Protein backbone atom coordinates (compact mmCIF):
# COMPACT_ATOMS: atom_id res chain seq x y z
CA MET A 1 -27.37 -8.79 -12.64
CA ARG A 2 -31.09 -9.33 -13.26
CA TYR A 3 -30.26 -10.42 -16.81
CA LEU A 4 -27.54 -12.81 -15.61
CA MET A 5 -29.75 -14.86 -13.25
CA PRO A 6 -32.18 -16.18 -15.90
CA ALA A 7 -29.20 -17.19 -18.07
CA VAL A 8 -27.62 -19.15 -15.21
CA ALA A 9 -30.94 -20.83 -14.43
CA ALA A 10 -31.40 -21.80 -18.04
CA ALA A 11 -27.91 -23.28 -18.24
CA THR A 12 -28.50 -25.24 -15.04
CA ALA A 13 -31.78 -26.62 -16.32
CA LEU A 14 -30.14 -27.59 -19.59
CA THR A 15 -27.35 -29.45 -17.73
CA ILE A 16 -29.86 -31.32 -15.53
CA GLY A 17 -31.82 -32.26 -18.60
CA LEU A 18 -28.76 -33.60 -20.36
CA ALA A 19 -27.72 -36.03 -17.59
CA PRO A 20 -30.72 -38.41 -17.95
CA ALA A 21 -30.45 -38.14 -21.71
CA ALA A 22 -26.79 -39.16 -21.63
CA ALA A 23 -27.52 -42.12 -19.34
CA GLN A 24 -30.37 -43.20 -21.60
CA SER A 25 -28.06 -42.94 -24.60
CA GLU A 26 -25.48 -45.19 -22.89
CA ARG A 27 -28.15 -47.79 -22.10
CA HIS A 28 -29.36 -47.66 -25.66
CA ALA A 29 -25.80 -48.17 -26.96
CA ASP A 30 -25.41 -51.20 -24.68
CA ARG A 31 -28.62 -52.70 -26.08
CA GLU A 32 -27.30 -52.11 -29.58
CA ARG A 33 -24.20 -54.27 -28.96
CA LEU A 34 -24.28 -57.58 -30.75
CA ARG A 35 -24.63 -60.74 -28.73
CA SER A 36 -21.56 -62.94 -28.89
CA HIS A 37 -20.96 -66.62 -28.28
CA VAL A 38 -17.73 -68.39 -27.29
CA ALA A 39 -17.23 -72.12 -27.91
CA LEU A 40 -14.31 -73.98 -26.31
CA HIS A 41 -12.92 -77.47 -26.98
CA LEU A 42 -10.01 -79.52 -25.62
CA SER A 43 -8.11 -82.09 -27.66
CA THR A 44 -8.22 -84.43 -24.64
CA HIS A 45 -9.72 -84.49 -21.16
CA SER A 46 -6.99 -86.69 -19.64
CA VAL A 47 -3.28 -85.91 -19.90
CA LEU A 48 -0.01 -86.82 -18.22
CA LYS A 49 1.50 -84.01 -16.16
CA GLY A 50 3.85 -81.98 -18.33
CA ASN A 51 2.32 -83.12 -21.61
CA GLY A 52 0.56 -80.54 -23.72
CA LEU A 53 -2.91 -80.41 -25.19
CA ALA A 54 -4.64 -78.21 -27.75
CA VAL A 55 -7.16 -75.64 -26.54
CA ARG A 56 -9.33 -74.44 -29.40
CA GLY A 57 -12.39 -72.31 -29.76
CA LYS A 58 -14.44 -69.91 -31.81
CA VAL A 59 -16.14 -66.59 -31.18
CA ARG A 60 -19.27 -65.58 -33.05
CA PRO A 61 -19.69 -63.21 -34.78
CA GLY A 62 -16.30 -63.56 -36.44
CA GLY A 63 -13.53 -61.02 -36.68
CA ARG A 64 -10.39 -60.30 -34.72
CA ARG A 65 -11.37 -60.26 -31.07
CA ARG A 66 -9.71 -60.62 -27.70
CA VAL A 67 -10.30 -63.78 -25.68
CA LYS A 68 -9.13 -64.56 -22.16
CA LEU A 69 -8.62 -68.21 -21.17
CA VAL A 70 -8.81 -68.91 -17.44
CA PHE A 71 -7.36 -72.12 -15.97
CA ARG A 72 -8.65 -73.04 -12.51
CA GLY A 73 -7.07 -75.91 -10.61
CA PRO A 74 -3.82 -76.90 -8.91
CA GLU A 75 -1.91 -74.63 -11.29
CA GLY A 76 -4.23 -71.76 -12.16
CA GLY A 77 -3.62 -68.81 -14.42
CA ALA A 78 -4.88 -66.93 -17.46
CA ARG A 79 -3.78 -66.54 -21.07
CA ALA A 80 -4.85 -63.91 -23.59
CA VAL A 81 -5.27 -64.67 -27.27
CA THR A 82 -6.58 -62.85 -30.33
CA THR A 83 -8.88 -64.63 -32.73
CA LYS A 84 -8.27 -64.95 -36.45
CA ALA A 85 -10.50 -63.14 -38.92
CA ASN A 86 -12.95 -66.07 -38.90
CA GLY A 87 -13.25 -65.92 -35.08
CA THR A 88 -11.20 -69.04 -34.29
CA PHE A 89 -8.36 -69.28 -31.77
CA ALA A 90 -5.98 -72.01 -30.61
CA LEU A 91 -3.07 -72.51 -28.24
CA ARG A 92 -1.07 -75.27 -26.55
CA TRP A 93 -1.13 -75.66 -22.79
CA ALA A 94 0.64 -78.14 -20.50
CA PRO A 95 -0.41 -78.55 -16.85
CA GLY A 96 2.63 -78.67 -14.60
CA ARG A 97 0.80 -80.25 -11.66
CA THR A 98 -1.54 -83.20 -11.28
CA GLY A 99 -5.20 -82.76 -10.42
CA THR A 100 -8.50 -81.62 -11.90
CA TYR A 101 -8.82 -78.38 -13.87
CA ALA A 102 -11.68 -76.31 -15.24
CA ILE A 103 -10.89 -74.21 -18.31
CA ARG A 104 -13.13 -71.40 -19.52
CA ALA A 105 -12.92 -68.86 -22.34
CA TYR A 106 -14.16 -65.28 -21.94
CA GLY A 107 -14.86 -63.08 -24.94
CA VAL A 108 -13.77 -59.52 -24.09
CA HIS A 109 -16.42 -56.93 -24.94
CA ASP A 110 -15.92 -53.82 -27.03
CA ARG A 111 -18.17 -51.09 -28.42
CA ARG A 112 -19.84 -53.49 -30.84
CA ILE A 113 -19.82 -56.84 -29.04
CA ARG A 114 -21.15 -57.87 -25.65
CA SER A 115 -18.94 -59.97 -23.41
CA SER A 116 -19.61 -63.71 -23.24
CA ARG A 117 -18.13 -66.87 -21.76
CA SER A 118 -17.91 -70.50 -22.74
CA ALA A 119 -19.07 -73.51 -20.77
CA PRO A 120 -16.28 -74.83 -18.51
CA ARG A 121 -14.28 -77.75 -19.87
CA LYS A 122 -12.85 -80.28 -17.41
CA LEU A 123 -9.36 -81.72 -17.62
CA THR A 124 -7.55 -84.22 -15.38
CA SER A 125 -3.76 -84.25 -15.18
CA TYR A 126 -2.23 -87.54 -14.02
CA ARG A 127 1.15 -89.03 -13.15
CA LEU A 128 2.32 -92.61 -13.56
CA ALA A 129 2.15 -94.60 -10.32
CA GLY A 130 3.18 -98.15 -9.49
CA ALA A 131 0.37 -100.15 -7.92
CA SER A 132 -0.60 -103.53 -6.52
CA TYR A 133 -3.67 -104.77 -4.66
CA TYR A 134 -4.53 -106.39 -1.35
CA GLY A 135 -7.52 -107.83 0.43
CA PRO A 136 -7.92 -111.64 0.29
CA GLY A 137 -6.75 -113.10 3.58
CA LEU A 138 -7.06 -109.73 5.34
CA TYR A 139 -10.82 -109.22 5.38
CA GLY A 140 -12.11 -108.41 8.81
CA SER A 141 -8.84 -106.72 9.79
CA GLY A 142 -8.66 -103.05 10.73
CA VAL A 143 -7.09 -100.44 8.46
CA ALA A 144 -4.73 -97.67 9.55
CA CYS A 145 -7.20 -94.85 8.96
CA GLY A 146 -9.98 -96.54 10.93
CA GLY A 147 -12.59 -99.06 9.93
CA THR A 148 -12.56 -102.65 8.76
CA LEU A 149 -11.35 -104.02 5.44
CA LEU A 150 -14.18 -105.83 3.65
CA PRO A 151 -14.58 -107.26 0.11
CA GLY A 152 -16.56 -104.19 -0.97
CA THR A 153 -14.27 -101.56 0.60
CA MET A 154 -13.32 -98.83 -1.88
CA GLY A 155 -9.99 -97.22 -1.08
CA VAL A 156 -6.23 -97.27 -1.44
CA ALA A 157 -3.22 -97.60 0.83
CA ASN A 158 -0.44 -95.02 0.58
CA LYS A 159 2.58 -94.41 2.78
CA THR A 160 2.40 -90.60 3.10
CA LEU A 161 -0.90 -89.05 1.94
CA PRO A 162 -3.21 -88.01 4.80
CA CYS A 163 -6.08 -90.33 5.61
CA GLY A 164 -9.17 -89.44 3.62
CA THR A 165 -7.26 -87.82 0.75
CA LYS A 166 -9.21 -88.37 -2.47
CA VAL A 167 -7.21 -89.89 -5.32
CA LYS A 168 -8.48 -90.28 -8.86
CA LEU A 169 -7.11 -93.37 -10.61
CA ARG A 170 -7.29 -94.29 -14.28
CA TYR A 171 -6.50 -97.56 -16.00
CA HIS A 172 -7.22 -98.33 -19.68
CA GLY A 173 -10.01 -95.76 -19.87
CA ARG A 174 -11.69 -96.66 -16.58
CA THR A 175 -11.59 -94.17 -13.71
CA VAL A 176 -12.46 -94.18 -10.04
CA THR A 177 -12.02 -91.66 -7.22
CA VAL A 178 -11.36 -93.19 -3.80
CA PRO A 179 -9.97 -92.14 -0.40
CA VAL A 180 -6.73 -93.14 1.28
CA ILE A 181 -7.77 -95.64 3.98
CA ASP A 182 -4.57 -97.47 4.88
CA ARG A 183 -0.76 -97.41 4.88
CA GLY A 184 1.44 -99.20 2.35
CA PRO A 185 2.57 -100.68 0.06
CA TYR A 186 6.04 -101.38 1.39
CA VAL A 187 7.51 -102.66 -1.86
CA ALA A 188 10.01 -100.57 -3.81
CA GLY A 189 8.55 -98.87 -6.86
CA ARG A 190 4.91 -99.08 -5.73
CA ASP A 191 2.89 -96.03 -4.72
CA TYR A 192 -0.53 -97.54 -4.04
CA ASP A 193 -2.16 -100.71 -2.83
CA LEU A 194 -5.68 -100.92 -4.25
CA THR A 195 -8.42 -102.74 -2.42
CA GLU A 196 -9.88 -105.67 -4.31
CA ALA A 197 -13.05 -103.68 -5.02
CA VAL A 198 -11.01 -100.89 -6.64
CA LYS A 199 -8.99 -103.44 -8.60
CA GLU A 200 -12.19 -104.96 -10.01
CA ARG A 201 -13.71 -101.55 -10.80
CA LEU A 202 -10.65 -100.56 -12.84
CA GLY A 203 -10.07 -103.94 -14.43
CA PHE A 204 -6.55 -103.81 -12.98
CA PRO A 205 -4.58 -107.08 -13.27
CA GLY A 206 -3.04 -106.93 -9.79
CA VAL A 207 0.43 -105.43 -10.28
CA GLY A 208 1.37 -102.73 -12.74
CA THR A 209 1.09 -99.00 -13.44
CA VAL A 210 -1.95 -96.78 -13.07
CA LEU A 211 -2.54 -93.08 -13.67
CA ALA A 212 -3.05 -91.13 -10.45
CA THR A 213 -3.83 -87.51 -9.57
CA ARG A 214 -1.72 -87.62 -6.39
């Protein structure tokens, strides 16, 4: 028995000594992992709902690696891809709902490579909306959501969206984000009445079609 006790003590001491060494070895291995970098690009930053766009990127250093693409917005989700031997990846994606999205790529870590993530890329998905404008002859009048219509008022009229709802509009490359301030238009085929200030900001002719996020 007296010979057994020193052996047990020695084994215990050896085990205690190994634990910090193992942890230190793990930290050292983590430091030895190569730094990686993920670049992400979109073929367009404005798209009609349902239309696709190309999502491309590259991971450095090269090689076949796993990448996770995360889509945040009205229709979120994630997609997994594997890079080619040169580190590049590509896929097609089509937003099924209108609104603003942020897309980010995450490089999945392994024993040799540290994890990394790209900068977020913004995308706006629109729908076609019939529009007209109003204002002249009505200045000084109240609007349905409260307030007074003036020449510089920025907003739109819509029949159903709650007051204050922000709508992003696009016309020939110009964009503006404005709130719903009034009700209308009451003409078949039209979704929005723009105030004169919004009309001027967009360069809108008066009656036609705009791109809208709602």
